[in-house]
Structures are given as structure tokens and as C-alpha cells.
Amino acid sequence: MMKNILITILLIITVGLSAFIAYDKLINVTKTEVKKEDKKEVKETNKKLTKADVKYYTSMVPFTPEDLDNIKDAYTGQKTTIDDINDETKYSMAFNNTFRTTEKPSKEDYSKEFLELYGGNAPEEVTDYVNVKASDMEETMKRLYNISLNNVSSFEYPGGRVFKLGNYYCLYMGRGSTGSYKMTDDRQLHYEYDDNDNLIIAESVLIGFENLETHKIDVYNNTSRTTKIGEIDDYIENYIGNGFVPTNFKHTFKKNNDGNYYWYSTEVIE
């Protein structure tokens, strides 16, 4: 009798252990599957970017190749958000990032102000302007800064002025200007995604300004010209890593309702 009881107890223990082991394996498999699923979601949400992708995003960051009072950019050395950048700068960046077209507005769309810049020439003589489709520029504005172009009639652009002529935006290049250059050290381009799914890009930059008196390029740490690093004879890229220490900027990009990233802010990495 006692022997039968012992056998029964051993059977119960064996069955219990088997059930526990099976349950434990099930739990572990489930945890593993969840972890794999989490990683899959993260991978799909936080897309892996190529170097070209990162450079594409940095091209959205406001930078003006000319020193104009009413056109500001994001490389001043102070934290700059999309609300700090005025409309003139956003329009200029959108125009610059929109594909040029060989199509032209009709002569009836030429404005009086536009023609006056050409000395009152007849419309058929006005040929030396650069133009983009208004619809394309509207899409670019949305892509870069998540805002509307609002059918603006004209705005200042480095080296000239842009006019809305019919279904096109046309650039009149009416004056010379002192150029400035932003040079990025591609070896130091890095990106990550933060906890809010924002895209963060680190960019190392030198800023150069043409000096009309010395015919050299003055190199600074930012567009505010806070610190002059030196002067060079030719292109800045020849000097990155050769004694010229660039400024490290942090760019933050947020998602719009379409799931695409647009530029939101820039600040110096101390």
C-alpha cells in the first residue's frame, strides 16, 4: 500500500515538473518573439540611413550663401528653431531645393516690377531668369518645413529677387554678392533617433566668407562670425582636418502627418 502511494506521488511530481518545464519554455519563447517583434518595429520605424540620406536631410537646414539682414540661417551659433527662421529664408531655401524647369510663364504674367528690373524691356527680351513650378515649390516647402507657401508674390533671394509669375516662381539675378560657404566634414556625419522618434543629426561645419579686400576666404566657426579661425586661398574642404577645427551642430528633425521628417531646430554641441 505504502509502495503504491509513493509511486502515485512520484507520478504527480513528474507530471508537475513536466508541465512547469513546458510552461517555462512557452513563456521564454513568447518573450523571445515579443523581443523580436519589438526589434522589428524599431527597425521599421527608425529607418537605417545611408550617407546620402543624411546629407539630404542636412540640405534642409537653413543656410544662406550671402550676408543679408533679413535672411537668417540656422548656423549662427545660437539655438535656432523653425519659428526663429523668417519667411524670406524659408522661401529662399524652398526655391533653392526645387528642381529648375525649362518651362516659362506666359508673357501676360510678367509683372511691372519684374520688367522694371530689366530696364523696362519688352517681355520677349526677358530670357535670363531661373524658374521653378509653383506647385513643385509648394511641395518642397511642405517637405522642408511642414508649412504652406501661401502663394507669396515675391521674396528676396541671395543675388536677386524671386517673383510669382503665373504658375511659376522666377529668379531675377540682378546684383553681385559676397558669397559664403558651408563645408561639412562628411566623415563626422552621424545620426540617431531619440525616444520621441525624432531624427537627430550631428554635423561638423566650417563657414567661409569671401573677403573682397584680401581676395581670400575668411573662415569662421559660425555665420555670426563669433570666432575667426583663419584665412585660406581656396576651397575650405582642403583645410578640414588640417588644423581647422569645425563646429559641431546638432539638427533635430520631426515627423509630419505624412510620416516624413522636416527640419525643426539646430544648436551647437558643446
C-alpha atoms as a PDB file:
ATOM      1  CA  MET A   1       0.000   0.000   0.000  1.00  0.00           C
ATOM      2  CA  MET A   2       2.757   2.390   1.005  1.00  0.00           C
ATOM      3  CA  LYS A   3       4.603   1.486  -2.214  1.00  0.00           C
ATOM      4  CA  ASN A   4       1.574   2.399  -4.351  1.00  0.00           C
ATOM      5  CA  ILE A   5       1.240   5.751  -2.570  1.00  0.00           C
ATOM      6  CA  LEU A   6       4.916   6.566  -3.211  1.00  0.00           C
ATOM      7  CA  ILE A   7       4.546   5.670  -6.903  1.00  0.00           C
ATOM      8  CA  THR A   8       1.467   7.908  -7.164  1.00  0.00           C
ATOM      9  CA  ILE A   9       3.293  10.837  -5.516  1.00  0.00           C
ATOM     10  CA  LEU A  10       6.270  10.406  -7.841  1.00  0.00           C
ATOM     11  CA  LEU A  11       3.950  10.406 -10.854  1.00  0.00           C
ATOM     12  CA  ILE A  12       2.277  13.619  -9.677  1.00  0.00           C
ATOM     13  CA  ILE A  13       5.675  15.283  -9.142  1.00  0.00           C
ATOM     14  CA  THR A  14       6.897  14.125 -12.576  1.00  0.00           C
ATOM     15  CA  VAL A  15       3.775  15.396 -14.319  1.00  0.00           C
ATOM     16  CA  GLY A  16       4.021  18.678 -12.400  1.00  0.00           C
ATOM     17  CA  LEU A  17       7.678  19.168 -13.348  1.00  0.00           C
ATOM     18  CA  SER A  18       6.924  18.378 -16.976  1.00  0.00           C
ATOM     19  CA  ALA A  19       4.085  20.894 -17.003  1.00  0.00           C
ATOM     20  CA  PHE A  20       6.307  23.540 -15.370  1.00  0.00           C
ATOM     21  CA  ILE A  21       9.108  22.948 -17.859  1.00  0.00           C
ATOM     22  CA  ALA A  22       6.694  23.174 -20.791  1.00  0.00           C
ATOM     23  CA  TYR A  23       5.145  26.363 -19.376  1.00  0.00           C
ATOM     24  CA  ASP A  24       8.570  27.897 -18.775  1.00  0.00           C
ATOM     25  CA  LYS A  25       9.614  27.128 -22.366  1.00  0.00           C
ATOM     26  CA  LEU A  26       6.382  28.627 -23.669  1.00  0.00           C
ATOM     27  CA  ILE A  27       6.913  31.791 -21.671  1.00  0.00           C
ATOM     28  CA  ASN A  28      10.516  32.112 -22.836  1.00  0.00           C
ATOM     29  CA  VAL A  29       9.527  31.546 -26.479  1.00  0.00           C
ATOM     30  CA  THR A  30       6.791  34.148 -26.153  1.00  0.00           C
ATOM     31  CA  LYS A  31       9.227  36.647 -24.620  1.00  0.00           C
ATOM     32  CA  THR A  32      11.692  35.967 -27.417  1.00  0.00           C
ATOM     33  CA  GLU A  33       9.011  36.501 -30.040  1.00  0.00           C
ATOM     34  CA  VAL A  34       7.948  39.756 -28.399  1.00  0.00           C
ATOM     35  CA  LYS A  35      11.547  40.965 -28.315  1.00  0.00           C
ATOM     36  CA  LYS A  36      11.964  40.071 -31.973  1.00  0.00           C
ATOM     37  CA  GLU A  37       8.739  41.894 -32.783  1.00  0.00           C
ATOM     38  CA  ASP A  38       9.895  44.942 -30.808  1.00  0.00           C
ATOM     39  CA  LYS A  39      13.158  44.984 -32.723  1.00  0.00           C
ATOM     40  CA  LYS A  40      11.285  44.623 -35.985  1.00  0.00           C
ATOM     41  CA  GLU A  41       9.062  47.594 -35.129  1.00  0.00           C
ATOM     42  CA  VAL A  42      12.036  49.721 -34.136  1.00  0.00           C
ATOM     43  CA  LYS A  43      13.874  48.804 -37.324  1.00  0.00           C
ATOM     44  CA  GLU A  44      10.868  49.691 -39.469  1.00  0.00           C
ATOM     45  CA  THR A  45      10.176  52.929 -37.589  1.00  0.00           C
ATOM     46  CA  ASN A  46      13.783  54.075 -37.301  1.00  0.00           C
ATOM     47  CA  LYS A  47      14.915  53.589 -40.864  1.00  0.00           C
ATOM     48  CA  LYS A  48      18.604  52.972 -41.394  1.00  0.00           C
ATOM     49  CA  LEU A  49      20.033  55.904 -43.352  1.00  0.00           C
ATOM     50  CA  THR A  50      22.813  55.989 -45.903  1.00  0.00           C
ATOM     51  CA  LYS A  51      25.361  58.808 -46.014  1.00  0.00           C
ATOM     52  CA  ALA A  52      23.412  60.248 -48.957  1.00  0.00           C
ATOM     53  CA  ASP A  53      20.218  60.186 -46.873  1.00  0.00           C
ATOM     54  CA  VAL A  54      21.903  62.098 -44.049  1.00  0.00           C
ATOM     55  CA  LYS A  55      23.272  64.713 -46.459  1.00  0.00           C
ATOM     56  CA  TYR A  56      19.784  65.044 -47.947  1.00  0.00           C
ATOM     57  CA  TYR A  57      18.421  65.956 -44.518  1.00  0.00           C
ATOM     58  CA  THR A  58      21.221  68.422 -43.778  1.00  0.00           C
ATOM     59  CA  SER A  59      20.369  70.176 -47.055  1.00  0.00           C
ATOM     60  CA  MET A  60      17.061  71.121 -45.408  1.00  0.00           C
ATOM     61  CA  VAL A  61      18.798  73.097 -42.657  1.00  0.00           C
ATOM     62  CA  PRO A  62      18.512  76.851 -43.405  1.00  0.00           C
ATOM     63  CA  PHE A  63      21.791  78.275 -44.680  1.00  0.00           C
ATOM     64  CA  THR A  64      22.169  81.444 -46.721  1.00  0.00           C
ATOM     65  CA  PRO A  65      25.122  81.885 -49.086  1.00  0.00           C
ATOM     66  CA  GLU A  66      25.042  85.641 -48.590  1.00  0.00           C
ATOM     67  CA  ASP A  67      25.118  88.102 -45.689  1.00  0.00           C
ATOM     68  CA  LEU A  68      21.646  89.704 -45.769  1.00  0.00           C
ATOM     69  CA  ASP A  69      19.952  91.478 -42.878  1.00  0.00           C
ATOM     70  CA  ASN A  70      16.524  89.963 -43.477  1.00  0.00           C
ATOM     71  CA  ILE A  71      17.656  86.436 -44.342  1.00  0.00           C
ATOM     72  CA  LYS A  72      18.768  84.395 -41.339  1.00  0.00           C
ATOM     73  CA  ASP A  73      20.013  80.843 -41.072  1.00  0.00           C
ATOM     74  CA  ALA A  74      20.477  78.050 -38.527  1.00  0.00           C
ATOM     75  CA  TYR A  75      24.278  78.167 -38.203  1.00  0.00           C
ATOM     76  CA  THR A  76      24.529  81.335 -36.104  1.00  0.00           C
ATOM     77  CA  GLY A  77      25.865  79.537 -33.023  1.00  0.00           C
ATOM     78  CA  GLN A  78      22.623  80.070 -31.082  1.00  0.00           C
ATOM     79  CA  LYS A  79      19.851  77.507 -30.794  1.00  0.00           C
ATOM     80  CA  THR A  80      17.513  78.139 -33.706  1.00  0.00           C
ATOM     81  CA  THR A  81      14.074  76.615 -34.232  1.00  0.00           C
ATOM     82  CA  ILE A  82      11.771  76.695 -37.210  1.00  0.00           C
ATOM     83  CA  ASP A  83       9.873  79.568 -35.563  1.00  0.00           C
ATOM     84  CA  ASP A  84      13.061  81.671 -35.416  1.00  0.00           C
ATOM     85  CA  ILE A  85      13.624  81.467 -39.174  1.00  0.00           C
ATOM     86  CA  ASN A  86      11.755  84.170 -41.074  1.00  0.00           C
ATOM     87  CA  ASP A  87       9.673  83.552 -44.165  1.00  0.00           C
ATOM     88  CA  GLU A  88      12.236  85.061 -46.560  1.00  0.00           C
ATOM     89  CA  THR A  89      14.756  82.408 -45.572  1.00  0.00           C
ATOM     90  CA  LYS A  90      12.239  79.559 -45.836  1.00  0.00           C
ATOM     91  CA  TYR A  91      11.144  80.755 -49.274  1.00  0.00           C
ATOM     92  CA  SER A  92      14.770  81.012 -50.430  1.00  0.00           C
ATOM     93  CA  MET A  93      15.566  77.508 -49.180  1.00  0.00           C
ATOM     94  CA  ALA A  94      12.446  76.092 -50.837  1.00  0.00           C
ATOM     95  CA  PHE A  95      13.331  77.776 -54.144  1.00  0.00           C
ATOM     96  CA  ASN A  96      16.895  76.509 -53.926  1.00  0.00           C
ATOM     97  CA  ASN A  97      15.744  72.941 -53.204  1.00  0.00           C
ATOM     98  CA  THR A  98      13.179  72.786 -56.020  1.00  0.00           C
ATOM     99  CA  PHE A  99      14.087  71.411 -59.436  1.00  0.00           C
ATOM    100  CA  ARG A 100      14.554  74.038 -62.134  1.00  0.00           C
ATOM    101  CA  THR A 101      12.316  73.803 -65.172  1.00  0.00           C
ATOM    102  CA  THR A 102      12.829  74.919 -68.755  1.00  0.00           C
ATOM    103  CA  GLU A 103       9.158  75.856 -68.939  1.00  0.00           C
ATOM    104  CA  LYS A 104       8.410  79.575 -68.799  1.00  0.00           C
ATOM    105  CA  PRO A 105       5.488  81.713 -67.652  1.00  0.00           C
ATOM    106  CA  SER A 106       3.396  83.390 -70.309  1.00  0.00           C
ATOM    107  CA  LYS A 107       4.283  86.958 -71.239  1.00  0.00           C
ATOM    108  CA  GLU A 108       0.964  88.141 -69.821  1.00  0.00           C
ATOM    109  CA  ASP A 109       2.101  87.014 -66.365  1.00  0.00           C
ATOM    110  CA  TYR A 110       5.167  89.292 -66.266  1.00  0.00           C
ATOM    111  CA  SER A 111       4.665  91.847 -63.524  1.00  0.00           C
ATOM    112  CA  LYS A 112       5.525  95.525 -63.909  1.00  0.00           C
ATOM    113  CA  GLU A 113       8.069  95.272 -61.077  1.00  0.00           C
ATOM    114  CA  PHE A 114       9.700  92.269 -62.736  1.00  0.00           C
ATOM    115  CA  LEU A 115      10.049  94.055 -66.088  1.00  0.00           C
ATOM    116  CA  GLU A 116      11.359  97.239 -64.474  1.00  0.00           C
ATOM    117  CA  LEU A 117      14.337  95.265 -63.177  1.00  0.00           C
ATOM    118  CA  TYR A 118      15.234  94.593 -66.802  1.00  0.00           C
ATOM    119  CA  GLY A 119      15.051  98.272 -67.649  1.00  0.00           C
ATOM    120  CA  GLY A 120      11.524  98.050 -68.991  1.00  0.00           C
ATOM    121  CA  ASN A 121      12.469  95.618 -71.741  1.00  0.00           C
ATOM    122  CA  ALA A 122       9.751  94.021 -73.799  1.00  0.00           C
ATOM    123  CA  PRO A 123       8.617  90.626 -72.461  1.00  0.00           C
ATOM    124  CA  GLU A 124      10.140  88.699 -75.379  1.00  0.00           C
ATOM    125  CA  GLU A 125      13.547  90.075 -74.422  1.00  0.00           C
ATOM    126  CA  VAL A 126      13.335  88.778 -70.868  1.00  0.00           C
ATOM    127  CA  THR A 127      15.003  85.386 -71.056  1.00  0.00           C
ATOM    128  CA  ASP A 128      17.808  85.289 -68.489  1.00  0.00           C
ATOM    129  CA  TYR A 129      15.916  84.198 -65.399  1.00  0.00           C
ATOM    130  CA  VAL A 130      15.694  80.931 -63.468  1.00  0.00           C
ATOM    131  CA  ASN A 131      12.252  79.499 -62.796  1.00  0.00           C
ATOM    132  CA  VAL A 132      10.524  76.633 -60.976  1.00  0.00           C
ATOM    133  CA  LYS A 133       6.935  75.453 -60.977  1.00  0.00           C
ATOM    134  CA  ALA A 134       4.885  76.968 -58.168  1.00  0.00           C
ATOM    135  CA  SER A 135       3.287  73.592 -57.436  1.00  0.00           C
ATOM    136  CA  ASP A 136       6.737  71.971 -57.095  1.00  0.00           C
ATOM    137  CA  MET A 137       7.918  74.726 -54.781  1.00  0.00           C
ATOM    138  CA  GLU A 138       4.784  74.316 -52.655  1.00  0.00           C
ATOM    139  CA  GLU A 139       5.615  70.614 -52.223  1.00  0.00           C
ATOM    140  CA  THR A 140       9.212  71.497 -51.318  1.00  0.00           C
ATOM    141  CA  MET A 141       8.045  73.981 -48.673  1.00  0.00           C
ATOM    142  CA  LYS A 142       5.906  71.281 -47.089  1.00  0.00           C
ATOM    143  CA  ARG A 143       8.765  68.768 -47.215  1.00  0.00           C
ATOM    144  CA  LEU A 144      11.385  71.091 -45.738  1.00  0.00           C
ATOM    145  CA  TYR A 145       9.437  72.917 -43.039  1.00  0.00           C
ATOM    146  CA  ASN A 146       5.946  71.392 -42.891  1.00  0.00           C
ATOM    147  CA  ILE A 147       4.295  74.728 -43.794  1.00  0.00           C
ATOM    148  CA  SER A 148       2.475  76.222 -46.777  1.00  0.00           C
ATOM    149  CA  LEU A 149       3.952  78.646 -49.300  1.00  0.00           C
ATOM    150  CA  ASN A 150       0.776  80.778 -49.119  1.00  0.00           C
ATOM    151  CA  ASN A 151       1.090  81.912 -52.741  1.00  0.00           C
ATOM    152  CA  VAL A 152       3.652  84.624 -51.852  1.00  0.00           C
ATOM    153  CA  SER A 153       4.073  87.173 -54.680  1.00  0.00           C
ATOM    154  CA  SER A 154       7.828  87.885 -54.309  1.00  0.00           C
ATOM    155  CA  PHE A 155      10.708  87.474 -51.881  1.00  0.00           C
ATOM    156  CA  GLU A 156      14.414  88.261 -51.587  1.00  0.00           C
ATOM    157  CA  TYR A 157      16.931  85.648 -52.641  1.00  0.00           C
ATOM    158  CA  PRO A 158      20.736  85.766 -52.389  1.00  0.00           C
ATOM    159  CA  GLY A 159      21.890  87.557 -55.540  1.00  0.00           C
ATOM    160  CA  GLY A 160      18.476  88.761 -56.624  1.00  0.00           C
ATOM    161  CA  ARG A 161      14.739  88.522 -56.094  1.00  0.00           C
ATOM    162  CA  VAL A 162      12.111  85.869 -56.860  1.00  0.00           C
ATOM    163  CA  PHE A 163       8.722  86.758 -58.387  1.00  0.00           C
ATOM    164  CA  LYS A 164       5.499  84.781 -58.715  1.00  0.00           C
ATOM    165  CA  LEU A 165       4.635  84.895 -62.415  1.00  0.00           C
ATOM    166  CA  GLY A 166       1.552  82.830 -63.224  1.00  0.00           C
ATOM    167  CA  ASN A 167       2.221  79.212 -62.268  1.00  0.00           C
ATOM    168  CA  TYR A 168       5.966  79.782 -61.797  1.00  0.00           C
ATOM    169  CA  TYR A 169       8.445  81.367 -59.409  1.00  0.00           C
ATOM    170  CA  CYS A 170      11.153  83.190 -61.341  1.00  0.00           C
ATOM    171  CA  LEU A 171      14.504  84.440 -60.048  1.00  0.00           C
ATOM    172  CA  TYR A 172      15.921  87.715 -61.289  1.00  0.00           C
ATOM    173  CA  MET A 173      19.695  87.679 -60.721  1.00  0.00           C
ATOM    174  CA  GLY A 174      20.181  91.403 -60.524  1.00  0.00           C
ATOM    175  CA  ARG A 175      23.284  92.035 -58.461  1.00  0.00           C
ATOM    176  CA  GLY A 176      26.578  90.646 -57.356  1.00  0.00           C
ATOM    177  CA  SER A 177      27.044  89.469 -53.814  1.00  0.00           C
ATOM    178  CA  THR A 178      29.682  88.423 -51.339  1.00  0.00           C
ATOM    179  CA  GLY A 179      29.464  84.669 -51.142  1.00  0.00           C
ATOM    180  CA  SER A 180      29.683  82.474 -48.075  1.00  0.00           C
ATOM    181  CA  TYR A 181      30.260  78.744 -47.931  1.00  0.00           C
ATOM    182  CA  LYS A 182      29.274  75.939 -45.599  1.00  0.00           C
ATOM    183  CA  MET A 183      31.626  72.992 -45.690  1.00  0.00           C
ATOM    184  CA  THR A 184      30.685  69.757 -43.921  1.00  0.00           C
ATOM    185  CA  ASP A 185      33.165  67.117 -42.842  1.00  0.00           C
ATOM    186  CA  ASP A 186      31.401  64.051 -44.241  1.00  0.00           C
ATOM    187  CA  ARG A 187      33.479  61.784 -42.030  1.00  0.00           C
ATOM    188  CA  GLN A 188      31.770  63.314 -38.977  1.00  0.00           C
ATOM    189  CA  LEU A 189      28.153  62.994 -40.136  1.00  0.00           C
ATOM    190  CA  HIS A 190      26.245  60.915 -37.583  1.00  0.00           C
ATOM    191  CA  TYR A 191      22.587  60.269 -36.864  1.00  0.00           C
ATOM    192  CA  GLU A 192      20.322  58.608 -34.312  1.00  0.00           C
ATOM    193  CA  TYR A 193      16.663  58.511 -33.295  1.00  0.00           C
ATOM    194  CA  ASP A 194      15.619  59.794 -29.877  1.00  0.00           C
ATOM    195  CA  ASP A 195      12.888  58.436 -27.603  1.00  0.00           C
ATOM    196  CA  ASN A 196      10.284  60.652 -29.310  1.00  0.00           C
ATOM    197  CA  ASP A 197      11.153  59.216 -32.741  1.00  0.00           C
ATOM    198  CA  ASN A 198      12.833  62.477 -33.772  1.00  0.00           C
ATOM    199  CA  LEU A 199      15.761  62.191 -36.165  1.00  0.00           C
ATOM    200  CA  ILE A 200      18.955  63.705 -34.704  1.00  0.00           C
ATOM    201  CA  ILE A 201      21.914  64.501 -36.974  1.00  0.00           C
ATOM    202  CA  ALA A 202      25.338  65.739 -35.885  1.00  0.00           C
ATOM    203  CA  GLU A 203      27.190  67.832 -38.483  1.00  0.00           C
ATOM    204  CA  SER A 204      30.719  69.280 -38.295  1.00  0.00           C
ATOM    205  CA  VAL A 205      30.925  72.562 -40.192  1.00  0.00           C
ATOM    206  CA  LEU A 206      33.287  75.350 -41.226  1.00  0.00           C
ATOM    207  CA  ILE A 207      31.888  78.641 -42.562  1.00  0.00           C
ATOM    208  CA  GLY A 208      33.809  80.689 -45.107  1.00  0.00           C
ATOM    209  CA  PHE A 209      33.214  84.264 -46.291  1.00  0.00           C
ATOM    210  CA  GLU A 210      34.771  85.819 -49.364  1.00  0.00           C
ATOM    211  CA  ASN A 211      36.954  88.794 -48.457  1.00  0.00           C
ATOM    212  CA  LEU A 212      36.878  91.264 -51.363  1.00  0.00           C
ATOM    213  CA  GLU A 213      39.825  93.231 -49.978  1.00  0.00           C
ATOM    214  CA  THR A 214      42.279  90.378 -49.491  1.00  0.00           C
ATOM    215  CA  HIS A 215      40.745  88.102 -52.171  1.00  0.00           C
ATOM    216  CA  LYS A 216      40.913  85.271 -49.671  1.00  0.00           C
ATOM    217  CA  ILE A 217      38.296  83.291 -47.778  1.00  0.00           C
ATOM    218  CA  ASP A 218      37.889  84.143 -44.095  1.00  0.00           C
ATOM    219  CA  VAL A 219      36.968  81.027 -42.105  1.00  0.00           C
ATOM    220  CA  TYR A 220      34.694  81.275 -39.049  1.00  0.00           C
ATOM    221  CA  ASN A 221      33.097  78.938 -36.547  1.00  0.00           C
ATOM    222  CA  ASN A 222      29.546  80.073 -37.424  1.00  0.00           C
ATOM    223  CA  THR A 223      27.621  82.509 -39.633  1.00  0.00           C
ATOM    224  CA  SER A 224      27.596  85.096 -36.819  1.00  0.00           C
ATOM    225  CA  ARG A 225      31.387  85.210 -37.234  1.00  0.00           C
ATOM    226  CA  THR A 226      31.902  84.794 -33.494  1.00  0.00           C
ATOM    227  CA  THR A 227      35.448  83.443 -33.875  1.00  0.00           C
ATOM    228  CA  LYS A 228      37.709  83.746 -36.893  1.00  0.00           C
ATOM    229  CA  ILE A 229      39.611  80.513 -37.367  1.00  0.00           C
ATOM    230  CA  GLY A 230      41.888  81.762 -40.123  1.00  0.00           C
ATOM    231  CA  GLU A 231      42.001  82.635 -43.802  1.00  0.00           C
ATOM    232  CA  ILE A 232      42.612  80.454 -46.819  1.00  0.00           C
ATOM    233  CA  ASP A 233      43.337  80.852 -50.510  1.00  0.00           C
ATOM    234  CA  ASP A 234      40.929  78.334 -51.956  1.00  0.00           C
ATOM    235  CA  TYR A 235      38.219  75.849 -51.072  1.00  0.00           C
ATOM    236  CA  ILE A 236      37.501  75.053 -47.446  1.00  0.00           C
ATOM    237  CA  GLU A 237      37.398  71.281 -47.928  1.00  0.00           C
ATOM    238  CA  ASN A 238      41.169  71.316 -48.386  1.00  0.00           C
ATOM    239  CA  TYR A 239      41.543  72.502 -44.800  1.00  0.00           C
ATOM    240  CA  ILE A 240      39.159  70.277 -42.860  1.00  0.00           C
ATOM    241  CA  GLY A 241      41.304  68.039 -40.681  1.00  0.00           C
ATOM    242  CA  ASN A 242      44.396  70.143 -41.336  1.00  0.00           C
ATOM    243  CA  GLY A 243      44.377  72.431 -38.342  1.00  0.00           C
ATOM    244  CA  PHE A 244      40.935  73.946 -38.912  1.00  0.00           C
ATOM    245  CA  VAL A 245      38.589  72.652 -36.203  1.00  0.00           C
ATOM    246  CA  PRO A 246      34.939  72.713 -37.302  1.00  0.00           C
ATOM    247  CA  THR A 247      31.922  73.495 -35.121  1.00  0.00           C
ATOM    248  CA  ASN A 248      29.662  70.550 -34.250  1.00  0.00           C
ATOM    249  CA  PHE A 249      25.974  71.248 -34.801  1.00  0.00           C
ATOM    250  CA  LYS A 250      23.013  69.143 -33.711  1.00  0.00           C
ATOM    251  CA  HIS A 251      19.983  69.159 -36.039  1.00  0.00           C
ATOM    252  CA  THR A 252      16.580  67.891 -34.921  1.00  0.00           C
ATOM    253  CA  PHE A 253      14.011  66.701 -37.463  1.00  0.00           C
ATOM    254  CA  LYS A 254      10.406  65.938 -36.574  1.00  0.00           C
ATOM    255  CA  LYS A 255       7.780  63.874 -38.363  1.00  0.00           C
ATOM    256  CA  ASN A 256       4.829  65.462 -40.127  1.00  0.00           C
ATOM    257  CA  ASN A 257       1.426  63.839 -40.510  1.00  0.00           C
ATOM    258  CA  ASP A 258       2.648  62.002 -43.609  1.00  0.00           C
ATOM    259  CA  GLY A 259       5.417  60.313 -41.636  1.00  0.00           C
ATOM    260  CA  ASN A 260       8.189  62.317 -43.312  1.00  0.00           C
ATOM    261  CA  TYR A 261      10.875  64.228 -41.425  1.00  0.00           C
ATOM    262  CA  TYR A 262      11.194  68.017 -41.654  1.00  0.00           C
ATOM    263  CA  TRP A 263      13.797  70.334 -40.101  1.00  0.00           C
ATOM    264  CA  TYR A 264      12.801  71.645 -36.670  1.00  0.00           C
ATOM    265  CA  SER A 265      15.881  73.037 -34.844  1.00  0.00           C
ATOM    266  CA  THR A 266      19.670  73.416 -34.794  1.00  0.00           C
ATOM    267  CA  GLU A 267      22.072  74.052 -31.904  1.00  0.00           C
ATOM    268  CA  VAL A 268      25.768  73.814 -31.155  1.00  0.00           C
ATOM    269  CA  ILE A 269      27.042  70.663 -29.455  1.00  0.00           C
ATOM    270  CA  GLU A 270      29.142  71.955 -26.576  1.00  0.00           C
END
